[in-house]
Amino acid sequence: QTLSFMLILSIFVVTFFVFFILIPIANFIVSFIVHGLTKAYGGRERYADTYKAIVYASTPSILLSFIPFVNVVVPIWSLVLGTTGLSINQNMTKGRAFLSLITIPMMIVVAFLTYTILNFFFG
């Protein structure tokens, strides 16, 4: 009985830590990076407007990403929400808002592929 209580307590502590500490910190960091890209692509508004769009877009991921099969659609829906939110909040086109959101992930993919190819040929 003590073991089950400790298991439930540890699940509660981890869940609390993730939902109330890690996710808000991650949203601030992602918003900061996306805001810089938004400014580079022509966004005209404040950081708070970018933060609102990022938090709004991340809500489906936070709430639904653990559900099987739904977790395939959730990132796409979050990208659609983020693009729409940035477009409206930053007074920019949806194309530029989309670029603001995918620039860093695409840079990571290109860097990983470059590393993999170079490691294959010269590693």
C-alpha atoms as a PDB file:
ATOM      1  CA  GLN A   1       0.000   0.000   0.000  1.00  0.00           C
ATOM      2  CA  THR A   2       2.869   2.389   0.703  1.00  0.00           C
ATOM      3  CA  LEU A   3       4.365   1.579  -2.698  1.00  0.00           C
ATOM      4  CA  SER A   4       1.156   2.490  -4.531  1.00  0.00           C
ATOM      5  CA  PHE A   5       0.919   5.746  -2.581  1.00  0.00           C
ATOM      6  CA  MET A   6       4.514   6.607  -3.494  1.00  0.00           C
ATOM      7  CA  LEU A   7       3.830   5.794  -7.152  1.00  0.00           C
ATOM      8  CA  ILE A   8       0.758   8.029  -7.221  1.00  0.00           C
ATOM      9  CA  LEU A   9       2.633  10.792  -5.428  1.00  0.00           C
ATOM     10  CA  SER A  10       5.571  10.611  -7.843  1.00  0.00           C
ATOM     11  CA  ILE A  11       3.238  10.722 -10.858  1.00  0.00           C
ATOM     12  CA  PHE A  12       1.527  13.767  -9.377  1.00  0.00           C
ATOM     13  CA  VAL A  13       4.856  15.531  -8.710  1.00  0.00           C
ATOM     14  CA  VAL A  14       6.178  14.842 -12.218  1.00  0.00           C
ATOM     15  CA  THR A  15       2.923  15.954 -13.823  1.00  0.00           C
ATOM     16  CA  PHE A  16       2.844  19.116 -11.721  1.00  0.00           C
ATOM     17  CA  PHE A  17       6.474  19.876 -12.601  1.00  0.00           C
ATOM     18  CA  VAL A  18       5.920  19.384 -16.334  1.00  0.00           C
ATOM     19  CA  PHE A  19       2.629  21.265 -16.608  1.00  0.00           C
ATOM     20  CA  PHE A  20       3.318  24.176 -14.284  1.00  0.00           C
ATOM     21  CA  ILE A  21       7.080  24.671 -14.602  1.00  0.00           C
ATOM     22  CA  LEU A  22       8.585  23.170 -17.768  1.00  0.00           C
ATOM     23  CA  ILE A  23       5.834  24.003 -20.254  1.00  0.00           C
ATOM     24  CA  PRO A  24       5.577  27.717 -19.292  1.00  0.00           C
ATOM     25  CA  ILE A  25       9.382  28.058 -19.420  1.00  0.00           C
ATOM     26  CA  ALA A  26       9.451  26.343 -22.820  1.00  0.00           C
ATOM     27  CA  ASN A  27       6.698  28.652 -24.087  1.00  0.00           C
ATOM     28  CA  PHE A  28       8.687  31.733 -23.038  1.00  0.00           C
ATOM     29  CA  ILE A  29      11.845  30.461 -24.758  1.00  0.00           C
ATOM     30  CA  VAL A  30      10.065  29.391 -27.957  1.00  0.00           C
ATOM     31  CA  SER A  31       8.186  32.700 -28.053  1.00  0.00           C
ATOM     32  CA  PHE A  32      11.448  34.622 -27.703  1.00  0.00           C
ATOM     33  CA  ILE A  33      13.039  32.747 -30.612  1.00  0.00           C
ATOM     34  CA  VAL A  34       9.936  32.947 -32.808  1.00  0.00           C
ATOM     35  CA  HIS A  35       9.549  36.652 -32.003  1.00  0.00           C
ATOM     36  CA  GLY A  36      13.054  37.323 -33.308  1.00  0.00           C
ATOM     37  CA  LEU A  37      12.229  35.461 -36.510  1.00  0.00           C
ATOM     38  CA  THR A  38       8.882  37.217 -36.722  1.00  0.00           C
ATOM     39  CA  LYS A  39      10.631  40.582 -36.583  1.00  0.00           C
ATOM     40  CA  ALA A  40      13.067  39.401 -39.270  1.00  0.00           C
ATOM     41  CA  TYR A  41      10.142  38.413 -41.507  1.00  0.00           C
ATOM     42  CA  GLY A  42       8.270  41.679 -41.052  1.00  0.00           C
ATOM     43  CA  GLY A  43       6.265  41.346 -37.841  1.00  0.00           C
ATOM     44  CA  ARG A  44       5.441  44.707 -36.311  1.00  0.00           C
ATOM     45  CA  GLU A  45       3.999  43.993 -32.897  1.00  0.00           C
ATOM     46  CA  ARG A  46       5.249  43.239 -29.372  1.00  0.00           C
ATOM     47  CA  TYR A  47       6.669  40.085 -27.805  1.00  0.00           C
ATOM     48  CA  ALA A  48       3.436  39.669 -25.820  1.00  0.00           C
ATOM     49  CA  ASP A  49       1.523  39.206 -29.072  1.00  0.00           C
ATOM     50  CA  THR A  50       3.930  36.495 -30.190  1.00  0.00           C
ATOM     51  CA  TYR A  51       3.670  34.837 -26.774  1.00  0.00           C
ATOM     52  CA  LYS A  52      -0.126  34.768 -27.010  1.00  0.00           C
ATOM     53  CA  ALA A  53       0.023  33.087 -30.414  1.00  0.00           C
ATOM     54  CA  ILE A  54       2.566  30.486 -29.263  1.00  0.00           C
ATOM     55  CA  VAL A  55       0.622  29.607 -26.110  1.00  0.00           C
ATOM     56  CA  TYR A  56      -2.608  29.351 -28.083  1.00  0.00           C
ATOM     57  CA  ALA A  57      -0.915  27.125 -30.671  1.00  0.00           C
ATOM     58  CA  SER A  58       0.699  24.859 -28.073  1.00  0.00           C
ATOM     59  CA  THR A  59      -2.533  24.159 -26.195  1.00  0.00           C
ATOM     60  CA  PRO A  60      -3.624  21.187 -28.368  1.00  0.00           C
ATOM     61  CA  SER A  61      -0.174  19.632 -28.006  1.00  0.00           C
ATOM     62  CA  ILE A  62      -0.296  19.961 -24.249  1.00  0.00           C
ATOM     63  CA  LEU A  63      -3.809  18.578 -23.902  1.00  0.00           C
ATOM     64  CA  LEU A  64      -4.057  15.956 -26.649  1.00  0.00           C
ATOM     65  CA  SER A  65      -0.610  14.670 -27.596  1.00  0.00           C
ATOM     66  CA  PHE A  66      -0.826  11.608 -25.338  1.00  0.00           C
ATOM     67  CA  ILE A  67      -3.879  10.196 -27.174  1.00  0.00           C
ATOM     68  CA  PRO A  68      -2.964   7.522 -29.760  1.00  0.00           C
ATOM     69  CA  PHE A  69      -3.622   8.436 -33.408  1.00  0.00           C
ATOM     70  CA  VAL A  70      -4.655  11.958 -32.394  1.00  0.00           C
ATOM     71  CA  ASN A  71      -1.002  12.709 -31.653  1.00  0.00           C
ATOM     72  CA  VAL A  72      -0.304  12.465 -35.397  1.00  0.00           C
ATOM     73  CA  VAL A  73      -2.685  15.306 -36.252  1.00  0.00           C
ATOM     74  CA  VAL A  74      -1.973  17.522 -33.233  1.00  0.00           C
ATOM     75  CA  PRO A  75       1.395  18.958 -34.419  1.00  0.00           C
ATOM     76  CA  ILE A  76      -0.143  19.889 -37.770  1.00  0.00           C
ATOM     77  CA  TRP A  77      -3.085  21.568 -36.037  1.00  0.00           C
ATOM     78  CA  SER A  78      -0.697  23.409 -33.704  1.00  0.00           C
ATOM     79  CA  LEU A  79       1.238  24.665 -36.728  1.00  0.00           C
ATOM     80  CA  VAL A  80      -1.997  25.889 -38.338  1.00  0.00           C
ATOM     81  CA  LEU A  81      -3.015  27.651 -35.104  1.00  0.00           C
ATOM     82  CA  GLY A  82       0.453  29.169 -34.698  1.00  0.00           C
ATOM     83  CA  THR A  83       0.498  30.426 -38.284  1.00  0.00           C
ATOM     84  CA  THR A  84      -2.954  31.952 -37.963  1.00  0.00           C
ATOM     85  CA  GLY A  85      -2.222  33.451 -34.539  1.00  0.00           C
ATOM     86  CA  LEU A  86       1.075  35.006 -35.601  1.00  0.00           C
ATOM     87  CA  SER A  87      -0.467  36.307 -38.792  1.00  0.00           C
ATOM     88  CA  ILE A  88      -3.247  38.060 -36.905  1.00  0.00           C
ATOM     89  CA  ASN A  89      -1.254  39.208 -33.847  1.00  0.00           C
ATOM     90  CA  GLN A  90       1.790  40.402 -35.789  1.00  0.00           C
ATOM     91  CA  ASN A  91      -0.061  41.904 -38.780  1.00  0.00           C
ATOM     92  CA  MET A  92       1.844  39.791 -41.297  1.00  0.00           C
ATOM     93  CA  THR A  93       0.981  37.371 -44.094  1.00  0.00           C
ATOM     94  CA  LYS A  94       0.369  33.740 -43.276  1.00  0.00           C
ATOM     95  CA  GLY A  95       3.335  32.748 -45.416  1.00  0.00           C
ATOM     96  CA  ARG A  96       5.715  34.874 -43.375  1.00  0.00           C
ATOM     97  CA  ALA A  97       4.142  33.678 -40.140  1.00  0.00           C
ATOM     98  CA  PHE A  98       4.595  30.079 -41.294  1.00  0.00           C
ATOM     99  CA  LEU A  99       8.255  30.782 -42.114  1.00  0.00           C
ATOM    100  CA  SER A 100       8.724  32.259 -38.647  1.00  0.00           C
ATOM    101  CA  LEU A 101       7.543  28.995 -37.128  1.00  0.00           C
ATOM    102  CA  ILE A 102       9.421  26.504 -39.317  1.00  0.00           C
ATOM    103  CA  THR A 103      12.794  28.224 -39.807  1.00  0.00           C
ATOM    104  CA  ILE A 104      14.468  26.813 -36.681  1.00  0.00           C
ATOM    105  CA  PRO A 105      13.122  23.248 -37.086  1.00  0.00           C
ATOM    106  CA  MET A 106      14.239  23.252 -40.723  1.00  0.00           C
ATOM    107  CA  MET A 107      17.700  24.503 -39.736  1.00  0.00           C
ATOM    108  CA  ILE A 108      17.949  21.639 -37.239  1.00  0.00           C
ATOM    109  CA  VAL A 109      16.914  19.095 -39.892  1.00  0.00           C
ATOM    110  CA  VAL A 110      19.435  20.493 -42.395  1.00  0.00           C
ATOM    111  CA  ALA A 111      22.208  20.475 -39.779  1.00  0.00           C
ATOM    112  CA  PHE A 112      21.390  16.875 -38.814  1.00  0.00           C
ATOM    113  CA  LEU A 113      21.338  15.736 -42.444  1.00  0.00           C
ATOM    114  CA  THR A 114      24.592  17.552 -43.170  1.00  0.00           C
ATOM    115  CA  TYR A 115      26.236  15.949 -40.161  1.00  0.00           C
ATOM    116  CA  THR A 116      24.924  12.515 -41.151  1.00  0.00           C
ATOM    117  CA  ILE A 117      26.114  12.816 -44.749  1.00  0.00           C
ATOM    118  CA  LEU A 118      29.533  14.179 -43.758  1.00  0.00           C
ATOM    119  CA  ASN A 119      29.901  11.470 -41.125  1.00  0.00           C
ATOM    120  CA  PHE A 120      28.976   8.808 -43.689  1.00  0.00           C
ATOM    121  CA  PHE A 121      31.569   9.963 -46.226  1.00  0.00           C
ATOM    122  CA  PHE A 122      34.344  11.242 -43.980  1.00  0.00           C
ATOM    123  CA  GLY A 123      33.584   9.670 -40.603  1.00  0.00           C
END
